[in-house]
């Protein structure tokens, strides 16, 4: 089960996201569902197309399956998803 405490250890594919803050102002406000995730990029399906968003320099608002919204700094996500699942989180 995905919770705000363990969101960094899960894949984002299938979750709804919104770009809250970005170094590139044209990315701010993008809303959609994550369709794929790579080491440095998140592919988000919006109403009209699929957008490639770099993880670094972006703050995402992720909606969990429970309906809870969590803001996550993209720097914490810059890692291959399969490696991030196995990492230990410093508290």
C-alpha atoms as a PDB file:
ATOM      1  CA  UNK A   1       0.000   0.000   0.000  1.00  0.00           C
ATOM      2  CA  UNK A   2       1.323   3.412  -0.951  1.00  0.00           C
ATOM      3  CA  UNK A   3       1.415   5.941   1.883  1.00  0.00           C
ATOM      4  CA  UNK A   4       2.941   9.427   2.190  1.00  0.00           C
ATOM      5  CA  UNK A   5       5.751   7.882   4.256  1.00  0.00           C
ATOM      6  CA  UNK A   6       6.799   5.319   1.631  1.00  0.00           C
ATOM      7  CA  UNK A   7       5.944   7.086  -1.650  1.00  0.00           C
ATOM      8  CA  UNK A   8       9.641   7.304  -2.581  1.00  0.00           C
ATOM      9  CA  UNK A   9       9.911   3.516  -2.558  1.00  0.00           C
ATOM     10  CA  UNK A  10       7.112   2.959  -5.078  1.00  0.00           C
ATOM     11  CA  UNK A  11       6.722   3.340  -8.812  1.00  0.00           C
ATOM     12  CA  UNK A  12       4.663   6.319  -9.894  1.00  0.00           C
ATOM     13  CA  UNK A  13       3.117   4.626 -12.935  1.00  0.00           C
ATOM     14  CA  UNK A  14      -0.664   4.889 -12.809  1.00  0.00           C
ATOM     15  CA  UNK A  15      -0.778   7.698 -10.237  1.00  0.00           C
ATOM     16  CA  UNK A  16      -2.293  11.126 -10.893  1.00  0.00           C
ATOM     17  CA  UNK A  17       0.239  13.969 -10.694  1.00  0.00           C
ATOM     18  CA  UNK A  18       0.339  17.724 -10.958  1.00  0.00           C
ATOM     19  CA  UNK A  19       3.446  19.855 -11.491  1.00  0.00           C
ATOM     20  CA  UNK A  20       3.298  22.359  -8.611  1.00  0.00           C
ATOM     21  CA  UNK A  21       6.625  24.131  -9.175  1.00  0.00           C
ATOM     22  CA  UNK A  22       9.230  23.851 -11.911  1.00  0.00           C
ATOM     23  CA  UNK A  23      12.377  25.597 -13.089  1.00  0.00           C
ATOM     24  CA  UNK A  24      10.643  25.783 -16.489  1.00  0.00           C
ATOM     25  CA  UNK A  25       7.509  27.892 -16.009  1.00  0.00           C
ATOM     26  CA  UNK A  26       5.782  26.203 -18.974  1.00  0.00           C
ATOM     27  CA  UNK A  27       5.668  22.911 -17.062  1.00  0.00           C
ATOM     28  CA  UNK A  28       3.874  24.354 -14.034  1.00  0.00           C
ATOM     29  CA  UNK A  29       0.251  23.317 -13.770  1.00  0.00           C
ATOM     30  CA  UNK A  30       0.471  20.191 -15.932  1.00  0.00           C
ATOM     31  CA  UNK A  31      -2.031  17.632 -14.643  1.00  0.00           C
ATOM     32  CA  UNK A  32      -2.321  14.028 -15.736  1.00  0.00           C
ATOM     33  CA  UNK A  33      -1.523  10.389 -15.064  1.00  0.00           C
ATOM     34  CA  UNK A  34       1.978   8.907 -15.065  1.00  0.00           C
ATOM     35  CA  UNK A  35       2.212   6.398 -17.919  1.00  0.00           C
ATOM     36  CA  UNK A  36       5.942   5.699 -17.723  1.00  0.00           C
ATOM     37  CA  UNK A  37       8.893   6.542 -15.523  1.00  0.00           C
ATOM     38  CA  UNK A  38      12.599   6.476 -16.350  1.00  0.00           C
ATOM     39  CA  UNK A  39      15.644   7.464 -14.335  1.00  0.00           C
ATOM     40  CA  UNK A  40      15.394  11.169 -15.178  1.00  0.00           C
ATOM     41  CA  UNK A  41      11.944  11.585 -16.743  1.00  0.00           C
ATOM     42  CA  UNK A  42       8.270  11.093 -15.980  1.00  0.00           C
ATOM     43  CA  UNK A  43       5.867  10.697 -18.903  1.00  0.00           C
ATOM     44  CA  UNK A  44       2.489  12.196 -18.018  1.00  0.00           C
ATOM     45  CA  UNK A  45      -0.641  11.641 -20.103  1.00  0.00           C
ATOM     46  CA  UNK A  46      -2.686  14.834 -20.185  1.00  0.00           C
ATOM     47  CA  UNK A  47      -6.007  15.380 -21.964  1.00  0.00           C
ATOM     48  CA  UNK A  48      -4.426  15.952 -25.354  1.00  0.00           C
ATOM     49  CA  UNK A  49      -0.953  14.356 -25.346  1.00  0.00           C
ATOM     50  CA  UNK A  50       1.889  12.743 -23.426  1.00  0.00           C
ATOM     51  CA  UNK A  51       4.323  15.207 -21.829  1.00  0.00           C
ATOM     52  CA  UNK A  52       7.932  14.393 -20.908  1.00  0.00           C
ATOM     53  CA  UNK A  53       8.831  16.045 -17.602  1.00  0.00           C
ATOM     54  CA  UNK A  54      12.327  15.986 -16.121  1.00  0.00           C
ATOM     55  CA  UNK A  55      12.296  14.972 -12.453  1.00  0.00           C
ATOM     56  CA  UNK A  56      15.115  17.306 -11.430  1.00  0.00           C
ATOM     57  CA  UNK A  57      13.956  20.855 -10.751  1.00  0.00           C
ATOM     58  CA  UNK A  58      10.268  19.982 -10.367  1.00  0.00           C
ATOM     59  CA  UNK A  59       7.943  19.582  -7.394  1.00  0.00           C
ATOM     60  CA  UNK A  60       5.149  17.086  -8.018  1.00  0.00           C
ATOM     61  CA  UNK A  61       1.825  16.847  -6.203  1.00  0.00           C
ATOM     62  CA  UNK A  62       1.009  13.135  -6.316  1.00  0.00           C
ATOM     63  CA  UNK A  63      -2.474  11.825  -5.560  1.00  0.00           C
ATOM     64  CA  UNK A  64      -2.291   8.441  -3.847  1.00  0.00           C
ATOM     65  CA  UNK A  65      -4.923   5.714  -4.415  1.00  0.00           C
ATOM     66  CA  UNK A  66      -6.377   6.589  -0.991  1.00  0.00           C
ATOM     67  CA  UNK A  67      -7.038  10.158  -2.220  1.00  0.00           C
ATOM     68  CA  UNK A  68      -4.262  11.741  -0.151  1.00  0.00           C
ATOM     69  CA  UNK A  69      -2.114  14.342  -1.932  1.00  0.00           C
ATOM     70  CA  UNK A  70       1.639  14.430  -1.312  1.00  0.00           C
ATOM     71  CA  UNK A  71       4.145  17.024  -2.560  1.00  0.00           C
ATOM     72  CA  UNK A  72       7.419  15.381  -3.613  1.00  0.00           C
ATOM     73  CA  UNK A  73      10.640  17.079  -4.732  1.00  0.00           C
ATOM     74  CA  UNK A  74      11.721  15.579  -8.041  1.00  0.00           C
ATOM     75  CA  UNK A  75      15.353  15.401  -6.851  1.00  0.00           C
ATOM     76  CA  UNK A  76      14.311  12.630  -4.466  1.00  0.00           C
ATOM     77  CA  UNK A  77      12.923  10.661  -7.422  1.00  0.00           C
ATOM     78  CA  UNK A  78      15.983  10.899  -9.719  1.00  0.00           C
ATOM     79  CA  UNK A  79      16.812   7.219  -9.803  1.00  0.00           C
ATOM     80  CA  UNK A  80      15.699   4.253 -11.857  1.00  0.00           C
ATOM     81  CA  UNK A  81      12.330   3.124 -10.450  1.00  0.00           C
ATOM     82  CA  UNK A  82      13.488  -0.462  -9.998  1.00  0.00           C
ATOM     83  CA  UNK A  83      16.462   0.721  -7.896  1.00  0.00           C
ATOM     84  CA  UNK A  84      14.380   3.208  -5.897  1.00  0.00           C
ATOM     85  CA  UNK A  85      12.060   0.400  -4.772  1.00  0.00           C
ATOM     86  CA  UNK A  86      14.976  -1.363  -3.046  1.00  0.00           C
ATOM     87  CA  UNK A  87      16.652   1.696  -1.488  1.00  0.00           C
ATOM     88  CA  UNK A  88      16.612   2.544   2.180  1.00  0.00           C
ATOM     89  CA  UNK A  89      15.144   5.895   3.155  1.00  0.00           C
ATOM     90  CA  UNK A  90      17.090   7.989   5.675  1.00  0.00           C
ATOM     91  CA  UNK A  91      14.839   9.325   8.415  1.00  0.00           C
END
